[in-house]
Amino acid sequence: MGDLGTVELVRGRVIPLTKPKAKHGRIAMRFAAAIAQFVYEHNLGEVYAAETGYVVEHNPDTVRAPDVSFVRAELVLGHDEDEWYPHSPDLAVEVVSPGDRPAVIDEKVRMWLDGGARSVWLVHPQARTVTLHHPSGSPQVVREDEELRDDRVLPGFVMRGLKGIFARVGQT
């Protein structure tokens, strides 16, 4: 089919995606950097950037790509990285854009969790919060003045200063 640009495959249908704006990319990168530093320091697995595909449903197939993802070492070691993972990452981080519809975001969270994710973090730049979703239990909202911890997927990881994650350079 040639280069289709930025797309996802959802239940066999190719869905074009809008390229993220600078704020989205900046915030996703800051989360990726913090997670990657912790993961690599502790040799826990791999952290992947946006557009890394995961097959979360079959027949018809759904291939989605979170903004940031983490896969634990034991799954990485048995996987050919020239192929999509045949399941969700252990952690999927999605930065919510202003135009994202709540129903579409809820569907993504459900697909990640149903596909095997241990945790999904929805980053809300406008509200300056992060909502943690797990396969069981209620979502947990973390505000910018609180510490982000998620021992279900990254035991010992602590992200302090979410205010700095959301602020632009030179702002607090």
C-alpha atoms as a PDB file:
ATOM      1  CA  MET A   1       0.000   0.000   0.000  1.00  0.00           C
ATOM      2  CA  GLY A   2       3.015   2.287   0.145  1.00  0.00           C
ATOM      3  CA  ASP A   3       3.665   4.882   2.826  1.00  0.00           C
ATOM      4  CA  LEU A   4       0.376   5.684   4.512  1.00  0.00           C
ATOM      5  CA  GLY A   5       1.830   8.210   6.940  1.00  0.00           C
ATOM      6  CA  THR A   6       0.865   8.060  10.602  1.00  0.00           C
ATOM      7  CA  VAL A   7      -1.929   5.487  10.964  1.00  0.00           C
ATOM      8  CA  GLU A   8      -3.260   2.789  13.260  1.00  0.00           C
ATOM      9  CA  LEU A   9      -5.063  -0.378  12.270  1.00  0.00           C
ATOM     10  CA  VAL A  10      -8.311  -0.672  14.241  1.00  0.00           C
ATOM     11  CA  ARG A  11     -10.360  -3.835  13.705  1.00  0.00           C
ATOM     12  CA  GLY A  12      -8.988  -4.200  10.199  1.00  0.00           C
ATOM     13  CA  ARG A  13      -9.544  -0.550   9.208  1.00  0.00           C
ATOM     14  CA  VAL A  14      -6.699   1.891   8.554  1.00  0.00           C
ATOM     15  CA  ILE A  15      -7.277   4.987  10.675  1.00  0.00           C
ATOM     16  CA  PRO A  16      -5.231   8.106   9.817  1.00  0.00           C
ATOM     17  CA  LEU A  17      -3.810   9.955  12.804  1.00  0.00           C
ATOM     18  CA  THR A  18      -3.032  13.641  13.061  1.00  0.00           C
ATOM     19  CA  LYS A  19       0.615  14.387  13.756  1.00  0.00           C
ATOM     20  CA  PRO A  20       0.973  15.598  17.346  1.00  0.00           C
ATOM     21  CA  LYS A  21       1.716  19.236  18.091  1.00  0.00           C
ATOM     22  CA  ALA A  22       4.861  20.403  19.923  1.00  0.00           C
ATOM     23  CA  LYS A  23       3.311  20.376  23.423  1.00  0.00           C
ATOM     24  CA  HIS A  24       2.215  16.769  22.990  1.00  0.00           C
ATOM     25  CA  GLY A  25       5.683  15.725  21.820  1.00  0.00           C
ATOM     26  CA  ARG A  26       7.467  17.620  24.598  1.00  0.00           C
ATOM     27  CA  ILE A  27       5.366  16.044  27.337  1.00  0.00           C
ATOM     28  CA  ALA A  28       5.586  12.542  25.833  1.00  0.00           C
ATOM     29  CA  MET A  29       9.374  12.883  25.592  1.00  0.00           C
ATOM     30  CA  ARG A  30       9.667  13.944  29.230  1.00  0.00           C
ATOM     31  CA  PHE A  31       7.699  10.899  30.351  1.00  0.00           C
ATOM     32  CA  ALA A  32       9.764   8.669  28.055  1.00  0.00           C
ATOM     33  CA  ALA A  33      13.035  10.063  29.427  1.00  0.00           C
ATOM     34  CA  ALA A  34      12.031   9.560  33.075  1.00  0.00           C
ATOM     35  CA  ILE A  35      10.722   6.035  32.487  1.00  0.00           C
ATOM     36  CA  ALA A  36      13.720   5.054  30.333  1.00  0.00           C
ATOM     37  CA  GLN A  37      16.239   6.279  32.898  1.00  0.00           C
ATOM     38  CA  PHE A  38      14.621   4.145  35.605  1.00  0.00           C
ATOM     39  CA  VAL A  39      14.121   1.076  33.377  1.00  0.00           C
ATOM     40  CA  TYR A  40      17.702   1.076  32.068  1.00  0.00           C
ATOM     41  CA  GLU A  41      19.239   1.763  35.502  1.00  0.00           C
ATOM     42  CA  HIS A  42      17.469  -1.337  36.828  1.00  0.00           C
ATOM     43  CA  ASN A  43      17.761  -3.469  33.655  1.00  0.00           C
ATOM     44  CA  LEU A  44      13.993  -4.013  33.625  1.00  0.00           C
ATOM     45  CA  GLY A  45      13.351  -4.182  29.892  1.00  0.00           C
ATOM     46  CA  GLU A  46      12.907  -1.734  27.020  1.00  0.00           C
ATOM     47  CA  VAL A  47      11.162   1.602  26.560  1.00  0.00           C
ATOM     48  CA  TYR A  48       9.808   2.412  23.117  1.00  0.00           C
ATOM     49  CA  ALA A  49       8.937   5.713  21.460  1.00  0.00           C
ATOM     50  CA  ALA A  50       5.701   6.652  19.760  1.00  0.00           C
ATOM     51  CA  GLU A  51       4.704   4.768  16.626  1.00  0.00           C
ATOM     52  CA  THR A  52       5.950   1.412  17.960  1.00  0.00           C
ATOM     53  CA  GLY A  53       3.127  -0.954  17.051  1.00  0.00           C
ATOM     54  CA  TYR A  54       1.456  -3.575  19.235  1.00  0.00           C
ATOM     55  CA  VAL A  55      -1.157  -6.073  18.047  1.00  0.00           C
ATOM     56  CA  VAL A  56      -3.875  -5.790  20.689  1.00  0.00           C
ATOM     57  CA  GLU A  57      -6.698  -7.648  18.920  1.00  0.00           C
ATOM     58  CA  HIS A  58      -6.928 -10.350  16.241  1.00  0.00           C
ATOM     59  CA  ASN A  59      -9.446 -11.238  13.536  1.00  0.00           C
ATOM     60  CA  PRO A  60      -9.812  -8.472  12.555  1.00  0.00           C
ATOM     61  CA  ASP A  61      -6.455  -7.153  13.688  1.00  0.00           C
ATOM     62  CA  THR A  62      -5.867  -3.994  15.682  1.00  0.00           C
ATOM     63  CA  VAL A  63      -2.376  -2.504  15.782  1.00  0.00           C
ATOM     64  CA  ARG A  64      -2.035   0.502  18.055  1.00  0.00           C
ATOM     65  CA  ALA A  65       0.916   2.668  19.040  1.00  0.00           C
ATOM     66  CA  PRO A  66       1.077   4.498  22.383  1.00  0.00           C
ATOM     67  CA  ASP A  67       3.097   7.671  22.882  1.00  0.00           C
ATOM     68  CA  VAL A  68       5.497   5.820  25.218  1.00  0.00           C
ATOM     69  CA  SER A  69       5.643   2.130  26.102  1.00  0.00           C
ATOM     70  CA  PHE A  70       7.567  -0.233  28.356  1.00  0.00           C
ATOM     71  CA  VAL A  71       7.993  -3.989  27.892  1.00  0.00           C
ATOM     72  CA  ARG A  72       9.623  -6.058  30.658  1.00  0.00           C
ATOM     73  CA  ALA A  73      12.868  -7.909  29.977  1.00  0.00           C
ATOM     74  CA  GLU A  74      11.481 -11.456  29.896  1.00  0.00           C
ATOM     75  CA  LEU A  75       9.123 -10.487  27.049  1.00  0.00           C
ATOM     76  CA  VAL A  76      11.762  -8.507  25.177  1.00  0.00           C
ATOM     77  CA  LEU A  77      14.258 -11.383  25.181  1.00  0.00           C
ATOM     78  CA  GLY A  78      11.911 -13.736  23.347  1.00  0.00           C
ATOM     79  CA  HIS A  79      10.725 -11.198  20.793  1.00  0.00           C
ATOM     80  CA  ASP A  80      11.997 -10.412  17.291  1.00  0.00           C
ATOM     81  CA  GLU A  81      12.125  -6.612  17.309  1.00  0.00           C
ATOM     82  CA  ASP A  82      11.647  -6.539  13.536  1.00  0.00           C
ATOM     83  CA  GLU A  83       8.063  -7.597  14.268  1.00  0.00           C
ATOM     84  CA  TRP A  84       5.219  -5.964  16.186  1.00  0.00           C
ATOM     85  CA  TYR A  85       4.667  -7.287  19.669  1.00  0.00           C
ATOM     86  CA  PRO A  86       1.691  -9.681  19.559  1.00  0.00           C
ATOM     87  CA  HIS A  87       0.229  -8.123  22.726  1.00  0.00           C
ATOM     88  CA  SER A  88       0.042  -4.832  24.610  1.00  0.00           C
ATOM     89  CA  PRO A  89       3.117  -3.402  26.294  1.00  0.00           C
ATOM     90  CA  ASP A  90       3.310  -3.742  30.071  1.00  0.00           C
ATOM     91  CA  LEU A  91       2.871   0.045  30.269  1.00  0.00           C
ATOM     92  CA  ALA A  92       1.198   2.235  27.656  1.00  0.00           C
ATOM     93  CA  VAL A  93       1.431   6.007  28.105  1.00  0.00           C
ATOM     94  CA  GLU A  94      -0.999   8.115  26.100  1.00  0.00           C
ATOM     95  CA  VAL A  95      -0.786  11.916  26.052  1.00  0.00           C
ATOM     96  CA  VAL A  96      -4.313  13.238  25.541  1.00  0.00           C
ATOM     97  CA  SER A  97      -4.622  15.954  22.897  1.00  0.00           C
ATOM     98  CA  PRO A  98      -7.329  18.647  23.064  1.00  0.00           C
ATOM     99  CA  GLY A  99      -9.182  17.157  20.073  1.00  0.00           C
ATOM    100  CA  ASP A 100      -9.223  13.579  21.396  1.00  0.00           C
ATOM    101  CA  ARG A 101     -12.759  12.311  21.947  1.00  0.00           C
ATOM    102  CA  PRO A 102     -13.377  10.705  25.361  1.00  0.00           C
ATOM    103  CA  ALA A 103     -15.015   7.625  23.795  1.00  0.00           C
ATOM    104  CA  VAL A 104     -11.933   6.985  21.619  1.00  0.00           C
ATOM    105  CA  ILE A 105      -9.608   7.397  24.607  1.00  0.00           C
ATOM    106  CA  ASP A 106     -11.728   5.029  26.715  1.00  0.00           C
ATOM    107  CA  GLU A 107     -11.617   2.483  23.876  1.00  0.00           C
ATOM    108  CA  LYS A 108      -7.804   2.723  23.701  1.00  0.00           C
ATOM    109  CA  VAL A 109      -7.483   2.175  27.454  1.00  0.00           C
ATOM    110  CA  ARG A 110      -9.749  -0.874  27.245  1.00  0.00           C
ATOM    111  CA  MET A 111      -7.821  -2.283  24.276  1.00  0.00           C
ATOM    112  CA  TRP A 112      -4.460  -1.836  26.022  1.00  0.00           C
ATOM    113  CA  LEU A 113      -5.711  -3.517  29.189  1.00  0.00           C
ATOM    114  CA  ASP A 114      -7.566  -6.306  27.361  1.00  0.00           C
ATOM    115  CA  GLY A 115      -4.409  -6.901  25.299  1.00  0.00           C
ATOM    116  CA  GLY A 116      -2.342  -7.547  28.422  1.00  0.00           C
ATOM    117  CA  ALA A 117      -1.118  -4.152  29.659  1.00  0.00           C
ATOM    118  CA  ARG A 118      -0.474  -4.015  33.390  1.00  0.00           C
ATOM    119  CA  SER A 119      -1.021  -0.267  33.399  1.00  0.00           C
ATOM    120  CA  VAL A 120      -2.130   2.586  31.153  1.00  0.00           C
ATOM    121  CA  TRP A 121      -1.249   6.170  31.998  1.00  0.00           C
ATOM    122  CA  LEU A 122      -3.417   8.877  30.463  1.00  0.00           C
ATOM    123  CA  VAL A 123      -1.552  12.161  30.597  1.00  0.00           C
ATOM    124  CA  HIS A 124      -3.885  15.183  30.562  1.00  0.00           C
ATOM    125  CA  PRO A 125      -1.769  18.289  29.787  1.00  0.00           C
ATOM    126  CA  GLN A 126      -4.663  20.733  30.112  1.00  0.00           C
ATOM    127  CA  ALA A 127      -5.733  19.399  33.517  1.00  0.00           C
ATOM    128  CA  ARG A 128      -2.082  18.770  34.448  1.00  0.00           C
ATOM    129  CA  THR A 129      -2.921  15.307  35.750  1.00  0.00           C
ATOM    130  CA  VAL A 130      -2.102  11.683  35.002  1.00  0.00           C
ATOM    131  CA  THR A 131      -4.784   9.004  35.339  1.00  0.00           C
ATOM    132  CA  LEU A 132      -3.505   5.483  36.048  1.00  0.00           C
ATOM    133  CA  HIS A 133      -5.651   2.603  34.777  1.00  0.00           C
ATOM    134  CA  HIS A 134      -5.107  -1.026  35.793  1.00  0.00           C
ATOM    135  CA  PRO A 135      -6.904  -4.258  34.843  1.00  0.00           C
ATOM    136  CA  SER A 136      -8.681  -4.217  38.209  1.00  0.00           C
ATOM    137  CA  GLY A 137      -9.663  -1.382  40.488  1.00  0.00           C
ATOM    138  CA  SER A 138     -10.685   2.199  39.923  1.00  0.00           C
ATOM    139  CA  PRO A 139      -8.558   4.692  38.001  1.00  0.00           C
ATOM    140  CA  GLN A 140      -6.214   6.782  40.124  1.00  0.00           C
ATOM    141  CA  VAL A 141      -5.710  10.479  39.354  1.00  0.00           C
ATOM    142  CA  VAL A 142      -2.313  12.001  40.154  1.00  0.00           C
ATOM    143  CA  ARG A 143      -2.138  15.793  40.251  1.00  0.00           C
ATOM    144  CA  GLU A 144       0.871  17.880  39.310  1.00  0.00           C
ATOM    145  CA  ASP A 145       1.832  18.504  42.952  1.00  0.00           C
ATOM    146  CA  GLU A 146       1.792  14.778  43.805  1.00  0.00           C
ATOM    147  CA  GLU A 147       4.260  11.958  43.196  1.00  0.00           C
ATOM    148  CA  LEU A 148       3.534   9.490  40.425  1.00  0.00           C
ATOM    149  CA  ARG A 149       4.125   5.879  41.472  1.00  0.00           C
ATOM    150  CA  ASP A 150       2.921   2.703  39.821  1.00  0.00           C
ATOM    151  CA  ASP A 151       4.317  -0.356  41.595  1.00  0.00           C
ATOM    152  CA  ARG A 152       2.165  -2.684  39.485  1.00  0.00           C
ATOM    153  CA  VAL A 153       4.351  -2.050  36.474  1.00  0.00           C
ATOM    154  CA  LEU A 154       7.481  -0.207  37.682  1.00  0.00           C
ATOM    155  CA  PRO A 155       8.141  -1.083  41.344  1.00  0.00           C
ATOM    156  CA  GLY A 156      10.217   1.631  43.003  1.00  0.00           C
ATOM    157  CA  PHE A 157       9.674   4.208  40.242  1.00  0.00           C
ATOM    158  CA  VAL A 158       8.780   7.657  41.562  1.00  0.00           C
ATOM    159  CA  MET A 159       8.179  10.658  39.364  1.00  0.00           C
ATOM    160  CA  ARG A 160       8.348  13.850  41.382  1.00  0.00           C
ATOM    161  CA  GLY A 161       7.613  17.278  40.092  1.00  0.00           C
ATOM    162  CA  LEU A 162       4.917  16.649  37.523  1.00  0.00           C
ATOM    163  CA  LYS A 163       4.535  20.423  37.469  1.00  0.00           C
ATOM    164  CA  GLY A 164       7.925  20.553  35.738  1.00  0.00           C
ATOM    165  CA  ILE A 165       6.828  17.907  33.233  1.00  0.00           C
ATOM    166  CA  PHE A 166       3.900  20.046  32.128  1.00  0.00           C
ATOM    167  CA  ALA A 167       5.717  23.428  32.226  1.00  0.00           C
ATOM    168  CA  ARG A 168       7.656  24.830  29.293  1.00  0.00           C
ATOM    169  CA  VAL A 169      11.323  25.646  29.661  1.00  0.00           C
ATOM    170  CA  GLY A 170      11.713  28.692  31.911  1.00  0.00           C
ATOM    171  CA  GLN A 171       8.250  28.274  33.465  1.00  0.00           C
ATOM    172  CA  THR A 172       7.224  26.614  36.710  1.00  0.00           C
END
